[in-house]
Amino acid sequence: MGWLFLLPGLAFYIVFVFWPIIQTAWYSFYSWNGVDASTWVGFDNFIRVFTDPVLRGSIAHSFYLIIPFALIPVALGIILASLIRDVRSKTFSSVAQVCMFLPRVIPGAAAGVAWTWMLAQDGIVNQMLKAMGLGSHATAWLGNQRTALNAVGVIGFWLQLGFCIVLLSAGIGSISKSLYEAASIDGAGWWSQLWHITLPGLRGQIAVCLTMTMVAALASFDVVFMATQGGPGYSTMVPGVMVYRLAFTQNKVGLASALAVVLMILVLLVVGPLQRLVQGKSEEAA
């Protein structure tokens, strides 16, 4: 009888999650403009995903964004969360966590628009550079092919850092204080405590942070679409924006579906081993 209670949720999952995935995979084997009759093309769409330089470049850009979206926020988040733990004032610690988490509650689209203004030729970033005597470095950060992708990475870093700090701070709070006190008595310094106590104790939280931020990088859409729409040229094009363009502006539903399937497989290939590694370490520790 217990299975009967699962049926509504299972039916909802099949209709709204599993079936769209199956349909997307099915469309990826056809050439279809979304209106007329479709034509079976086999794996041609997948071959084009890996041979077309623009499509292949969009995938490379999403992997590059893992650095500012995931690796830097997690590394910096560990250090900042450890520093916040050492703050004796609980009020200051709570205010610091709230301030750092604020960017996370802002929608990515709104953040993209706000940063577009700040990174414009006459935006506040360039005004600050000019005030510091660095006006020669001022540029339209999102309009320059050499700087646009890194500028998008800055927006992603700003959005993800607060989430990492709050989650890692919660994890540090669960580590027994007696471990830090014993390490201090034995003469262990701050970096030694971070390496031998904090990092092993945060293994699960670090895995969650890396999983969430890597998925945000690989499947990014709102930030890139609102900030650059993949431009200038294709310098910031990512699979999420490319799928939108192919399906809704170029009427290439089959090719868009193939790119979406490839993106889904890449996300699983990146996140899956990470989860297995963490689970394996946890079982060894148990």
C-alpha atoms as a PDB file:
ATOM      1  CA  MET A   1       0.000   0.000   0.000  1.00  0.00           C
ATOM      2  CA  GLY A   2       2.947   2.324   0.627  1.00  0.00           C
ATOM      3  CA  TRP A   3       3.683   2.451  -3.097  1.00  0.00           C
ATOM      4  CA  LEU A   4       0.254   4.001  -3.716  1.00  0.00           C
ATOM      5  CA  PHE A   5       1.371   7.138  -1.868  1.00  0.00           C
ATOM      6  CA  LEU A   6       4.302   7.435  -4.263  1.00  0.00           C
ATOM      7  CA  LEU A   7       2.161   7.296  -7.393  1.00  0.00           C
ATOM      8  CA  PRO A   8       1.177  11.025  -7.541  1.00  0.00           C
ATOM      9  CA  GLY A   9       4.788  12.149  -7.179  1.00  0.00           C
ATOM     10  CA  LEU A  10       5.986   9.463  -9.592  1.00  0.00           C
ATOM     11  CA  ALA A  11       3.378  10.469 -12.163  1.00  0.00           C
ATOM     12  CA  PHE A  12       4.366  14.143 -11.802  1.00  0.00           C
ATOM     13  CA  TYR A  13       8.040  13.256 -12.284  1.00  0.00           C
ATOM     14  CA  ILE A  14       7.365  11.137 -15.367  1.00  0.00           C
ATOM     15  CA  VAL A  15       5.134  13.749 -17.051  1.00  0.00           C
ATOM     16  CA  PHE A  16       7.109  16.918 -16.284  1.00  0.00           C
ATOM     17  CA  VAL A  17      10.725  15.668 -15.964  1.00  0.00           C
ATOM     18  CA  PHE A  18      11.331  12.272 -17.531  1.00  0.00           C
ATOM     19  CA  TRP A  19       9.090  12.621 -20.601  1.00  0.00           C
ATOM     20  CA  PRO A  20      10.556  16.001 -21.736  1.00  0.00           C
ATOM     21  CA  ILE A  21      14.039  14.449 -21.528  1.00  0.00           C
ATOM     22  CA  ILE A  22      12.910  11.518 -23.685  1.00  0.00           C
ATOM     23  CA  GLN A  23      11.296  13.898 -26.183  1.00  0.00           C
ATOM     24  CA  THR A  24      14.438  16.052 -26.375  1.00  0.00           C
ATOM     25  CA  ALA A  25      16.570  12.968 -27.013  1.00  0.00           C
ATOM     26  CA  TRP A  26      14.092  11.834 -29.695  1.00  0.00           C
ATOM     27  CA  TYR A  27      14.099  15.218 -31.478  1.00  0.00           C
ATOM     28  CA  SER A  28      17.902  15.190 -31.543  1.00  0.00           C
ATOM     29  CA  PHE A  29      17.818  12.471 -34.218  1.00  0.00           C
ATOM     30  CA  TYR A  30      15.687  14.575 -36.584  1.00  0.00           C
ATOM     31  CA  SER A  31      16.039  17.658 -38.720  1.00  0.00           C
ATOM     32  CA  TRP A  32      12.995  19.695 -37.734  1.00  0.00           C
ATOM     33  CA  ASN A  33      12.062  23.368 -37.837  1.00  0.00           C
ATOM     34  CA  GLY A  34       9.391  22.977 -35.176  1.00  0.00           C
ATOM     35  CA  VAL A  35       6.456  23.271 -37.622  1.00  0.00           C
ATOM     36  CA  ASP A  36       6.808  21.149 -40.754  1.00  0.00           C
ATOM     37  CA  ALA A  37       7.361  17.403 -40.991  1.00  0.00           C
ATOM     38  CA  SER A  38      10.612  16.194 -39.477  1.00  0.00           C
ATOM     39  CA  THR A  39      13.325  14.176 -41.256  1.00  0.00           C
ATOM     40  CA  TRP A  40      15.372  11.385 -39.679  1.00  0.00           C
ATOM     41  CA  VAL A  41      19.101  12.269 -39.756  1.00  0.00           C
ATOM     42  CA  GLY A  42      20.527   9.754 -37.270  1.00  0.00           C
ATOM     43  CA  PHE A  43      23.618  11.042 -35.457  1.00  0.00           C
ATOM     44  CA  ASP A  44      24.244  13.948 -37.870  1.00  0.00           C
ATOM     45  CA  ASN A  45      23.157  16.536 -35.298  1.00  0.00           C
ATOM     46  CA  PHE A  46      25.551  15.098 -32.696  1.00  0.00           C
ATOM     47  CA  ILE A  47      28.396  15.029 -35.233  1.00  0.00           C
ATOM     48  CA  ARG A  48      27.753  18.689 -36.002  1.00  0.00           C
ATOM     49  CA  VAL A  49      27.810  19.566 -32.275  1.00  0.00           C
ATOM     50  CA  PHE A  50      31.400  18.307 -32.049  1.00  0.00           C
ATOM     51  CA  THR A  51      32.590  19.540 -35.468  1.00  0.00           C
ATOM     52  CA  ASP A  52      31.004  22.996 -35.685  1.00  0.00           C
ATOM     53  CA  PRO A  53      33.549  25.436 -34.160  1.00  0.00           C
ATOM     54  CA  VAL A  54      30.831  27.692 -32.746  1.00  0.00           C
ATOM     55  CA  LEU A  55      28.983  24.863 -30.987  1.00  0.00           C
ATOM     56  CA  ARG A  56      32.227  23.268 -29.815  1.00  0.00           C
ATOM     57  CA  GLY A  57      33.435  26.662 -28.619  1.00  0.00           C
ATOM     58  CA  SER A  58      30.272  27.201 -26.568  1.00  0.00           C
ATOM     59  CA  ILE A  59      30.979  23.954 -24.699  1.00  0.00           C
ATOM     60  CA  ALA A  60      34.585  25.031 -24.081  1.00  0.00           C
ATOM     61  CA  HIS A  61      33.379  28.384 -22.709  1.00  0.00           C
ATOM     62  CA  SER A  62      31.067  26.651 -20.215  1.00  0.00           C
ATOM     63  CA  PHE A  63      33.977  24.531 -18.936  1.00  0.00           C
ATOM     64  CA  TYR A  64      36.143  27.664 -18.649  1.00  0.00           C
ATOM     65  CA  LEU A  65      33.417  29.298 -16.530  1.00  0.00           C
ATOM     66  CA  ILE A  66      33.822  26.487 -13.968  1.00  0.00           C
ATOM     67  CA  ILE A  67      36.916  28.364 -12.718  1.00  0.00           C
ATOM     68  CA  PRO A  68      35.173  31.625 -11.708  1.00  0.00           C
ATOM     69  CA  PHE A  69      31.751  30.049 -11.036  1.00  0.00           C
ATOM     70  CA  ALA A  70      32.930  27.071  -8.934  1.00  0.00           C
ATOM     71  CA  LEU A  71      36.618  26.664  -8.095  1.00  0.00           C
ATOM     72  CA  ILE A  72      37.414  30.217  -6.950  1.00  0.00           C
ATOM     73  CA  PRO A  73      34.168  30.720  -4.925  1.00  0.00           C
ATOM     74  CA  VAL A  74      34.612  27.381  -3.141  1.00  0.00           C
ATOM     75  CA  ALA A  75      38.301  27.984  -2.341  1.00  0.00           C
ATOM     76  CA  LEU A  76      37.691  31.564  -1.197  1.00  0.00           C
ATOM     77  CA  GLY A  77      34.520  30.494   0.611  1.00  0.00           C
ATOM     78  CA  ILE A  78      36.466  27.993   2.725  1.00  0.00           C
ATOM     79  CA  ILE A  79      38.948  30.671   3.795  1.00  0.00           C
ATOM     80  CA  LEU A  80      36.286  33.314   4.506  1.00  0.00           C
ATOM     81  CA  ALA A  81      34.064  30.844   6.397  1.00  0.00           C
ATOM     82  CA  SER A  82      37.063  29.867   8.539  1.00  0.00           C
ATOM     83  CA  LEU A  83      37.812  33.539   9.238  1.00  0.00           C
ATOM     84  CA  ILE A  84      34.172  34.178  10.178  1.00  0.00           C
ATOM     85  CA  ARG A  85      34.372  31.215  12.608  1.00  0.00           C
ATOM     86  CA  ASP A  86      37.220  32.951  14.409  1.00  0.00           C
ATOM     87  CA  VAL A  87      35.224  36.157  14.883  1.00  0.00           C
ATOM     88  CA  ARG A  88      34.164  36.304  18.531  1.00  0.00           C
ATOM     89  CA  SER A  89      31.273  38.731  17.918  1.00  0.00           C
ATOM     90  CA  LYS A  90      28.236  36.639  16.939  1.00  0.00           C
ATOM     91  CA  THR A  91      26.443  39.756  15.709  1.00  0.00           C
ATOM     92  CA  PHE A  92      29.271  40.694  13.327  1.00  0.00           C
ATOM     93  CA  SER A  93      29.499  37.079  12.162  1.00  0.00           C
ATOM     94  CA  SER A  94      25.763  36.923  11.398  1.00  0.00           C
ATOM     95  CA  VAL A  95      25.762  40.301   9.629  1.00  0.00           C
ATOM     96  CA  ALA A  96      28.775  39.265   7.537  1.00  0.00           C
ATOM     97  CA  GLN A  97      27.056  36.042   6.442  1.00  0.00           C
ATOM     98  CA  VAL A  98      23.836  37.889   5.531  1.00  0.00           C
ATOM     99  CA  CYS A  99      25.723  40.534   3.533  1.00  0.00           C
ATOM    100  CA  MET A 100      27.711  37.900   1.642  1.00  0.00           C
ATOM    101  CA  PHE A 101      24.580  35.833   0.936  1.00  0.00           C
ATOM    102  CA  LEU A 102      22.596  38.799  -0.457  1.00  0.00           C
ATOM    103  CA  PRO A 103      23.817  38.381  -4.077  1.00  0.00           C
ATOM    104  CA  ARG A 104      22.442  34.818  -4.004  1.00  0.00           C
ATOM    105  CA  VAL A 105      18.847  36.009  -3.514  1.00  0.00           C
ATOM    106  CA  ILE A 106      19.083  38.302  -6.561  1.00  0.00           C
ATOM    107  CA  PRO A 107      17.848  36.615  -9.773  1.00  0.00           C
ATOM    108  CA  GLY A 108      20.617  35.909 -12.256  1.00  0.00           C
ATOM    109  CA  ALA A 109      18.841  37.966 -14.918  1.00  0.00           C
ATOM    110  CA  ALA A 110      18.700  41.014 -12.641  1.00  0.00           C
ATOM    111  CA  ALA A 111      22.357  40.553 -11.713  1.00  0.00           C
ATOM    112  CA  GLY A 112      23.245  40.387 -15.412  1.00  0.00           C
ATOM    113  CA  VAL A 113      21.472  43.685 -16.107  1.00  0.00           C
ATOM    114  CA  ALA A 114      23.024  45.428 -13.072  1.00  0.00           C
ATOM    115  CA  TRP A 115      26.535  44.289 -13.946  1.00  0.00           C
ATOM    116  CA  THR A 116      26.016  45.337 -17.571  1.00  0.00           C
ATOM    117  CA  TRP A 117      25.641  48.922 -16.341  1.00  0.00           C
ATOM    118  CA  MET A 118      28.583  48.672 -13.943  1.00  0.00           C
ATOM    119  CA  LEU A 119      30.913  47.171 -16.566  1.00  0.00           C
ATOM    120  CA  ALA A 120      29.933  49.588 -19.347  1.00  0.00           C
ATOM    121  CA  GLN A 121      32.419  52.085 -20.807  1.00  0.00           C
ATOM    122  CA  ASP A 122      31.103  54.826 -18.477  1.00  0.00           C
ATOM    123  CA  GLY A 123      30.175  52.422 -15.649  1.00  0.00           C
ATOM    124  CA  ILE A 124      31.314  52.548 -12.057  1.00  0.00           C
ATOM    125  CA  VAL A 125      34.143  50.045 -12.612  1.00  0.00           C
ATOM    126  CA  ASN A 126      35.838  52.233 -15.207  1.00  0.00           C
ATOM    127  CA  GLN A 127      35.152  55.354 -13.123  1.00  0.00           C
ATOM    128  CA  MET A 128      36.967  53.729 -10.187  1.00  0.00           C
ATOM    129  CA  LEU A 129      39.899  52.782 -12.434  1.00  0.00           C
ATOM    130  CA  LYS A 130      40.150  56.376 -13.662  1.00  0.00           C
ATOM    131  CA  ALA A 131      40.000  57.674 -10.089  1.00  0.00           C
ATOM    132  CA  MET A 132      42.958  55.416  -9.202  1.00  0.00           C
ATOM    133  CA  GLY A 133      44.951  56.603 -12.221  1.00  0.00           C
ATOM    134  CA  LEU A 134      44.346  53.406 -14.184  1.00  0.00           C
ATOM    135  CA  GLY A 135      42.178  54.986 -16.867  1.00  0.00           C
ATOM    136  CA  SER A 136      44.304  53.435 -19.627  1.00  0.00           C
ATOM    137  CA  HIS A 137      42.898  50.026 -18.619  1.00  0.00           C
ATOM    138  CA  ALA A 138      39.267  51.192 -18.850  1.00  0.00           C
ATOM    139  CA  THR A 139      37.253  49.385 -21.503  1.00  0.00           C
ATOM    140  CA  ALA A 140      33.760  48.149 -22.245  1.00  0.00           C
ATOM    141  CA  TRP A 141      34.384  44.907 -20.358  1.00  0.00           C
ATOM    142  CA  LEU A 142      31.372  43.031 -21.744  1.00  0.00           C
ATOM    143  CA  GLY A 143      31.773  44.501 -25.235  1.00  0.00           C
ATOM    144  CA  ASN A 144      35.416  43.545 -25.718  1.00  0.00           C
ATOM    145  CA  GLN A 145      36.087  40.039 -27.062  1.00  0.00           C
ATOM    146  CA  ARG A 146      39.284  39.784 -24.990  1.00  0.00           C
ATOM    147  CA  THR A 147      37.579  40.577 -21.660  1.00  0.00           C
ATOM    148  CA  ALA A 148      33.908  39.605 -22.114  1.00  0.00           C
ATOM    149  CA  LEU A 149      34.153  35.968 -20.951  1.00  0.00           C
ATOM    150  CA  ASN A 150      36.163  36.893 -17.857  1.00  0.00           C
ATOM    151  CA  ALA A 151      33.675  39.691 -17.119  1.00  0.00           C
ATOM    152  CA  VAL A 152      30.855  37.126 -17.237  1.00  0.00           C
ATOM    153  CA  GLY A 153      32.945  34.996 -14.879  1.00  0.00           C
ATOM    154  CA  VAL A 154      33.112  37.918 -12.426  1.00  0.00           C
ATOM    155  CA  ILE A 155      29.297  38.079 -12.374  1.00  0.00           C
ATOM    156  CA  GLY A 156      29.089  34.342 -11.740  1.00  0.00           C
ATOM    157  CA  PHE A 157      31.700  34.542  -8.990  1.00  0.00           C
ATOM    158  CA  TRP A 158      29.729  37.359  -7.314  1.00  0.00           C
ATOM    159  CA  LEU A 159      26.545  35.246  -7.408  1.00  0.00           C
ATOM    160  CA  GLN A 160      28.066  31.988  -6.154  1.00  0.00           C
ATOM    161  CA  LEU A 161      30.428  33.189  -3.400  1.00  0.00           C
ATOM    162  CA  GLY A 162      27.709  33.964  -0.842  1.00  0.00           C
ATOM    163  CA  PHE A 163      26.064  30.559  -1.265  1.00  0.00           C
ATOM    164  CA  CYS A 164      29.409  28.821  -0.667  1.00  0.00           C
ATOM    165  CA  ILE A 165      30.205  30.907   2.417  1.00  0.00           C
ATOM    166  CA  VAL A 166      26.832  30.283   4.082  1.00  0.00           C
ATOM    167  CA  LEU A 167      26.861  26.541   3.395  1.00  0.00           C
ATOM    168  CA  LEU A 168      30.489  26.128   4.481  1.00  0.00           C
ATOM    169  CA  SER A 169      29.918  28.249   7.609  1.00  0.00           C
ATOM    170  CA  ALA A 170      27.065  25.929   8.574  1.00  0.00           C
ATOM    171  CA  GLY A 171      29.401  22.960   8.055  1.00  0.00           C
ATOM    172  CA  ILE A 172      32.136  24.489  10.195  1.00  0.00           C
ATOM    173  CA  GLY A 173      29.574  25.039  12.951  1.00  0.00           C
ATOM    174  CA  SER A 174      29.002  21.269  13.077  1.00  0.00           C
ATOM    175  CA  ILE A 175      32.713  20.513  13.672  1.00  0.00           C
ATOM    176  CA  SER A 176      33.457  19.959  17.355  1.00  0.00           C
ATOM    177  CA  LYS A 177      35.207  22.969  18.943  1.00  0.00           C
ATOM    178  CA  SER A 178      37.223  20.575  21.089  1.00  0.00           C
ATOM    179  CA  LEU A 179      39.211  19.595  17.976  1.00  0.00           C
ATOM    180  CA  TYR A 180      40.306  23.198  17.414  1.00  0.00           C
ATOM    181  CA  GLU A 181      41.051  23.677  21.131  1.00  0.00           C
ATOM    182  CA  ALA A 182      43.178  20.524  21.229  1.00  0.00           C
ATOM    183  CA  ALA A 183      45.012  21.596  18.065  1.00  0.00           C
ATOM    184  CA  SER A 184      45.704  25.036  19.549  1.00  0.00           C
ATOM    185  CA  ILE A 185      47.103  23.473  22.733  1.00  0.00           C
ATOM    186  CA  ASP A 186      49.397  21.314  20.566  1.00  0.00           C
ATOM    187  CA  GLY A 187      50.644  24.456  18.816  1.00  0.00           C
ATOM    188  CA  ALA A 188      48.859  24.014  15.485  1.00  0.00           C
ATOM    189  CA  GLY A 189      48.549  27.283  13.556  1.00  0.00           C
ATOM    190  CA  TRP A 190      45.594  28.624  11.583  1.00  0.00           C
ATOM    191  CA  TRP A 191      46.627  27.061   8.267  1.00  0.00           C
ATOM    192  CA  SER A 192      47.389  23.720   9.963  1.00  0.00           C
ATOM    193  CA  GLN A 193      43.932  23.661  11.572  1.00  0.00           C
ATOM    194  CA  LEU A 194      42.364  24.567   8.223  1.00  0.00           C
ATOM    195  CA  TRP A 195      44.165  21.718   6.430  1.00  0.00           C
ATOM    196  CA  HIS A 196      43.858  18.947   9.053  1.00  0.00           C
ATOM    197  CA  ILE A 197      40.507  19.749  10.733  1.00  0.00           C
ATOM    198  CA  THR A 198      38.352  22.103   8.667  1.00  0.00           C
ATOM    199  CA  LEU A 199      38.833  20.608   5.199  1.00  0.00           C
ATOM    200  CA  PRO A 200      38.207  16.951   6.245  1.00  0.00           C
ATOM    201  CA  GLY A 201      35.162  18.065   8.236  1.00  0.00           C
ATOM    202  CA  LEU A 202      33.731  19.995   5.287  1.00  0.00           C
ATOM    203  CA  ARG A 203      34.051  17.216   2.700  1.00  0.00           C
ATOM    204  CA  GLY A 204      30.298  16.840   2.255  1.00  0.00           C
ATOM    205  CA  GLN A 205      29.607  20.606   2.106  1.00  0.00           C
ATOM    206  CA  ILE A 206      32.454  21.140  -0.361  1.00  0.00           C
ATOM    207  CA  ALA A 207      30.984  18.435  -2.599  1.00  0.00           C
ATOM    208  CA  VAL A 208      27.567  20.138  -2.503  1.00  0.00           C
ATOM    209  CA  CYS A 209      29.116  23.537  -3.278  1.00  0.00           C
ATOM    210  CA  LEU A 210      31.132  22.147  -6.185  1.00  0.00           C
ATOM    211  CA  THR A 211      28.117  20.263  -7.561  1.00  0.00           C
ATOM    212  CA  MET A 212      25.775  23.270  -7.438  1.00  0.00           C
ATOM    213  CA  THR A 213      28.293  25.780  -8.784  1.00  0.00           C
ATOM    214  CA  MET A 214      29.598  23.481 -11.552  1.00  0.00           C
ATOM    215  CA  VAL A 215      26.045  22.866 -12.750  1.00  0.00           C
ATOM    216  CA  ALA A 216      25.480  26.645 -12.657  1.00  0.00           C
ATOM    217  CA  ALA A 217      28.576  27.123 -14.846  1.00  0.00           C
ATOM    218  CA  LEU A 218      27.875  24.357 -17.360  1.00  0.00           C
ATOM    219  CA  ALA A 219      24.158  25.132 -17.680  1.00  0.00           C
ATOM    220  CA  SER A 220      24.421  28.920 -17.365  1.00  0.00           C
ATOM    221  CA  PHE A 221      21.830  30.896 -19.311  1.00  0.00           C
ATOM    222  CA  ASP A 222      20.243  33.864 -17.530  1.00  0.00           C
ATOM    223  CA  VAL A 223      23.460  35.702 -16.617  1.00  0.00           C
ATOM    224  CA  VAL A 224      25.039  35.278 -20.066  1.00  0.00           C
ATOM    225  CA  PHE A 225      21.825  36.028 -21.962  1.00  0.00           C
ATOM    226  CA  MET A 226      21.115  39.251 -20.072  1.00  0.00           C
ATOM    227  CA  ALA A 227      24.741  40.435 -19.989  1.00  0.00           C
ATOM    228  CA  THR A 228      26.021  39.636 -23.502  1.00  0.00           C
ATOM    229  CA  GLN A 229      23.576  37.280 -25.286  1.00  0.00           C
ATOM    230  CA  GLY A 230      26.638  35.255 -26.213  1.00  0.00           C
ATOM    231  CA  GLY A 231      28.527  38.163 -27.805  1.00  0.00           C
ATOM    232  CA  PRO A 232      30.459  40.073 -28.871  1.00  0.00           C
ATOM    233  CA  GLY A 233      30.625  37.644 -31.774  1.00  0.00           C
ATOM    234  CA  TYR A 234      30.567  34.248 -30.065  1.00  0.00           C
ATOM    235  CA  SER A 235      33.150  35.107 -27.402  1.00  0.00           C
ATOM    236  CA  THR A 236      30.780  34.386 -24.479  1.00  0.00           C
ATOM    237  CA  MET A 237      28.476  31.879 -26.149  1.00  0.00           C
ATOM    238  CA  VAL A 238      27.511  28.983 -23.878  1.00  0.00           C
ATOM    239  CA  PRO A 239      25.370  25.894 -24.620  1.00  0.00           C
ATOM    240  CA  GLY A 240      22.321  27.246 -22.757  1.00  0.00           C
ATOM    241  CA  VAL A 241      22.116  30.405 -24.897  1.00  0.00           C
ATOM    242  CA  MET A 242      23.047  28.469 -28.038  1.00  0.00           C
ATOM    243  CA  VAL A 243      20.167  26.029 -27.514  1.00  0.00           C
ATOM    244  CA  TYR A 244      17.777  28.992 -27.208  1.00  0.00           C
ATOM    245  CA  ARG A 245      19.105  30.597 -30.406  1.00  0.00           C
ATOM    246  CA  LEU A 246      19.003  27.388 -32.428  1.00  0.00           C
ATOM    247  CA  ALA A 247      15.498  26.404 -31.313  1.00  0.00           C
ATOM    248  CA  PHE A 248      13.660  29.752 -31.207  1.00  0.00           C
ATOM    249  CA  THR A 249      15.453  32.081 -33.638  1.00  0.00           C
ATOM    250  CA  GLN A 250      16.937  29.691 -36.215  1.00  0.00           C
ATOM    251  CA  ASN A 251      14.214  27.005 -36.073  1.00  0.00           C
ATOM    252  CA  LYS A 252      16.773  24.178 -35.767  1.00  0.00           C
ATOM    253  CA  VAL A 253      14.987  22.173 -33.102  1.00  0.00           C
ATOM    254  CA  GLY A 254      16.833  18.918 -33.857  1.00  0.00           C
ATOM    255  CA  LEU A 255      20.290  20.484 -33.566  1.00  0.00           C
ATOM    256  CA  ALA A 256      19.262  22.386 -30.422  1.00  0.00           C
ATOM    257  CA  SER A 257      18.017  19.132 -28.898  1.00  0.00           C
ATOM    258  CA  ALA A 258      21.302  17.378 -29.730  1.00  0.00           C
ATOM    259  CA  LEU A 259      23.279  20.169 -28.034  1.00  0.00           C
ATOM    260  CA  ALA A 260      20.982  19.971 -25.002  1.00  0.00           C
ATOM    261  CA  VAL A 261      21.515  16.197 -24.767  1.00  0.00           C
ATOM    262  CA  VAL A 262      25.301  16.634 -25.018  1.00  0.00           C
ATOM    263  CA  LEU A 263      25.168  19.311 -22.311  1.00  0.00           C
ATOM    264  CA  MET A 264      23.156  17.020 -20.026  1.00  0.00           C
ATOM    265  CA  ILE A 265      25.643  14.160 -20.531  1.00  0.00           C
ATOM    266  CA  LEU A 266      28.616  16.478 -19.845  1.00  0.00           C
ATOM    267  CA  VAL A 267      27.016  17.701 -16.615  1.00  0.00           C
ATOM    268  CA  LEU A 268      26.489  14.095 -15.492  1.00  0.00           C
ATOM    269  CA  LEU A 269      30.083  13.175 -16.440  1.00  0.00           C
ATOM    270  CA  VAL A 270      31.420  16.058 -14.341  1.00  0.00           C
ATOM    271  CA  VAL A 271      29.107  15.778 -11.329  1.00  0.00           C
ATOM    272  CA  GLY A 272      28.802  11.970 -11.173  1.00  0.00           C
ATOM    273  CA  PRO A 273      32.486  11.138 -10.452  1.00  0.00           C
ATOM    274  CA  LEU A 274      32.609  13.980  -7.916  1.00  0.00           C
ATOM    275  CA  GLN A 275      29.676  12.533  -5.983  1.00  0.00           C
ATOM    276  CA  ARG A 276      31.114   8.998  -6.127  1.00  0.00           C
ATOM    277  CA  LEU A 277      34.479  10.295  -4.881  1.00  0.00           C
ATOM    278  CA  VAL A 278      32.897  12.041  -1.899  1.00  0.00           C
ATOM    279  CA  GLN A 279      30.646   9.113  -1.054  1.00  0.00           C
ATOM    280  CA  GLY A 280      33.620   6.764  -1.250  1.00  0.00           C
ATOM    281  CA  LYS A 281      35.642   8.972   1.089  1.00  0.00           C
ATOM    282  CA  SER A 282      32.705   9.186   3.501  1.00  0.00           C
ATOM    283  CA  GLU A 283      32.335   5.396   3.586  1.00  0.00           C
ATOM    284  CA  GLU A 284      36.073   5.051   4.242  1.00  0.00           C
ATOM    285  CA  ALA A 285      35.851   7.572   7.064  1.00  0.00           C
ATOM    286  CA  ALA A 286      32.868   5.676   8.548  1.00  0.00           C
END
